C-alpha atoms as a PDB file:
ATOM      1  CA  MET A   1      -8.928  14.884  23.222  1.00  0.00           C
ATOM      2  CA  LYS A   2      -6.019  12.614  22.848  1.00  0.00           C
ATOM      3  CA  TRP A   3      -3.309  14.807  21.012  1.00  0.00           C
ATOM      4  CA  LEU A   4      -0.538  12.125  21.037  1.00  0.00           C
ATOM      5  CA  GLU A   5      -2.748   9.702  19.314  1.00  0.00           C
ATOM      6  CA  LEU A   6      -3.497  12.520  16.734  1.00  0.00           C
ATOM      7  CA  LEU A   7      -0.129  12.995  15.952  1.00  0.00           C
ATOM      8  CA  GLU A   8       0.552   8.890  15.773  1.00  0.00           C
ATOM      9  CA  VAL A   9      -1.953   8.733  13.036  1.00  0.00           C
ATOM     10  CA  ALA A  10      -0.895  11.825  11.007  1.00  0.00           C
ATOM     11  CA  GLY A  11       2.369  10.571  11.110  1.00  0.00           C
ATOM     12  CA  ALA A  12       1.438   6.717   9.941  1.00  0.00           C
ATOM     13  CA  THR A  13      -0.020   8.393   7.233  1.00  0.00           C
ATOM     14  CA  LEU A  14       2.649  10.664   6.267  1.00  0.00           C
ATOM     15  CA  VAL A  15       5.027   8.042   6.161  1.00  0.00           C
ATOM     16  CA  ALA A  16       2.557   5.290   4.196  1.00  0.00           C
ATOM     17  CA  ALA A  17       1.827   8.402   1.712  1.00  0.00           C
ATOM     18  CA  VAL A  18       5.262   9.042   1.038  1.00  0.00           C
ATOM     19  CA  VAL A  19       6.230   5.337   0.812  1.00  0.00           C
ATOM     20  CA  LEU A  20       3.795   4.811  -1.858  1.00  0.00           C
ATOM     21  CA  VAL A  21       4.361   7.849  -3.911  1.00  0.00           C
ATOM     22  CA  VAL A  22       8.541   6.502  -3.742  1.00  0.00           C
ATOM     23  CA  LEU A  23       7.292   3.275  -4.939  1.00  0.00           C
ATOM     24  CA  TYR A  24       5.535   4.152  -7.384  1.00  0.00           C
ATOM     25  CA  ALA A  25       7.913   6.826  -8.711  1.00  0.00           C
ATOM     26  CA  LEU A  26      10.423   4.157  -8.495  1.00  0.00           C
ATOM     27  CA  GLY A  27       8.372   1.723 -10.748  1.00  0.00           C
ATOM     28  CA  VAL A  28       7.423   4.279 -13.292  1.00  0.00           C
ATOM     29  CA  ARG A  29      11.274   5.127 -13.556  1.00  0.00           C
ATOM     30  CA  LEU A  30      12.437   1.768 -13.701  1.00  0.00           C
ATOM     31  CA  THR A  31      10.041   1.099 -16.373  1.00  0.00           C
ATOM     32  CA  ALA A  32      11.307   4.155 -18.538  1.00  0.00           C
ATOM     33  CA  ILE A  33      14.866   2.659 -17.853  1.00  0.00           C
ATOM     34  CA  ALA A  34      13.992  -0.688 -19.223  1.00  0.00           C
ATOM     35  CA  GLY A  35      12.548   0.508 -22.003  1.00  0.00           C
ATOM     36  CA  ASP A  36      15.763   1.725 -23.160  1.00  0.00           C
ATOM     37  CA  PRO A  37      17.009   0.003 -26.339  1.00  0.00           C
ATOM     38  CA  GLU A  38      20.499   0.485 -25.348  1.00  0.00           C
ATOM     39  CA  ARG A  39      20.019  -1.481 -22.270  1.00  0.00           C
ATOM     40  CA  LYS A  40      21.755  -5.180 -21.866  1.00  0.00           C
ATOM     41  CA  SER A  41      19.168  -6.670 -19.301  1.00  0.00           C
ATOM     42  CA  PRO A  42      15.760  -4.896 -19.410  1.00  0.00           C
ATOM     43  CA  VAL A  43      13.709  -8.135 -17.975  1.00  0.00           C
ATOM     44  CA  ALA A  44      15.523  -8.162 -14.276  1.00  0.00           C
ATOM     45  CA  ILE A  45      14.601  -4.216 -14.125  1.00  0.00           C
ATOM     46  CA  ARG A  46      11.309  -4.271 -15.526  1.00  0.00           C
ATOM     47  CA  SER A  47      10.557  -7.081 -13.235  1.00  0.00           C
ATOM     48  CA  LEU A  48      11.739  -5.189 -10.193  1.00  0.00           C
ATOM     49  CA  ALA A  49       9.509  -2.031 -11.589  1.00  0.00           C
ATOM     50  CA  TYR A  50       6.417  -4.979 -11.461  1.00  0.00           C
ATOM     51  CA  VAL A  51       7.439  -5.568  -7.952  1.00  0.00           C
ATOM     52  CA  CYS A  52       7.539  -2.023  -6.937  1.00  0.00           C
ATOM     53  CA  PHE A  53       4.162  -1.876  -8.650  1.00  0.00           C
ATOM     54  CA  ALA A  54       2.977  -4.936  -6.691  1.00  0.00           C
ATOM     55  CA  ALA A  55       4.184  -3.521  -3.373  1.00  0.00           C
ATOM     56  CA  CYS A  56       2.028  -0.332  -3.770  1.00  0.00           C
ATOM     57  CA  GLY A  57      -1.111  -2.612  -4.622  1.00  0.00           C
ATOM     58  CA  VAL A  58      -0.453  -4.651  -1.484  1.00  0.00           C
ATOM     59  CA  ALA A  59      -0.056  -1.091   0.512  1.00  0.00           C
ATOM     60  CA  VAL A  60      -3.797  -0.057  -0.990  1.00  0.00           C
ATOM     61  CA  LEU A  61      -5.332  -3.078  -0.804  1.00  0.00           C
ATOM     62  CA  ALA A  62      -3.992  -3.188   3.209  1.00  0.00           C
ATOM     63  CA  GLY A  63      -5.228  -0.078   3.708  1.00  0.00           C
ATOM     64  CA  ILE A  64      -8.804  -0.401   2.293  1.00  0.00           C
ATOM     65  CA  TYR A  65      -9.074  -3.554   4.560  1.00  0.00           C
ATOM     66  CA  LEU A  66      -8.285  -1.176   7.823  1.00  0.00           C
ATOM     67  CA  ILE A  67     -10.441   1.367   6.554  1.00  0.00           C
ATOM     68  CA  VAL A  68     -13.693  -0.732   5.542  1.00  0.00           C
ATOM     69  CA  PRO A  69     -15.673  -2.212   8.903  1.00  0.00           C
ATOM     70  CA  TYR A  70     -16.871  -4.905   6.736  1.00  0.00           C
ATOM     71  CA  PHE A  71     -13.440  -6.493   6.812  1.00  0.00           C
ATOM     72  CA  ASN A  72     -12.723  -6.017  10.514  1.00  0.00           C
ATOM     73  CA  LYS A  73     -15.423  -7.977  12.291  1.00  0.00           C
END
């Protein structure tokens, strides 16, 4: 078995999972901050939260593209 390739895949999986969780958590946090009535510009913060959610969606779609053999013909 090629152990170095296994470690490479495990490392990439770990990094991707951490990045997705951080982006989603940041999006949730920014949405909560934008909901605060004392904030002066909630639109900018809310749009940044939507950018984080969109990046999560793009990463998930890219992962599905890589996993499903139908797309890789």
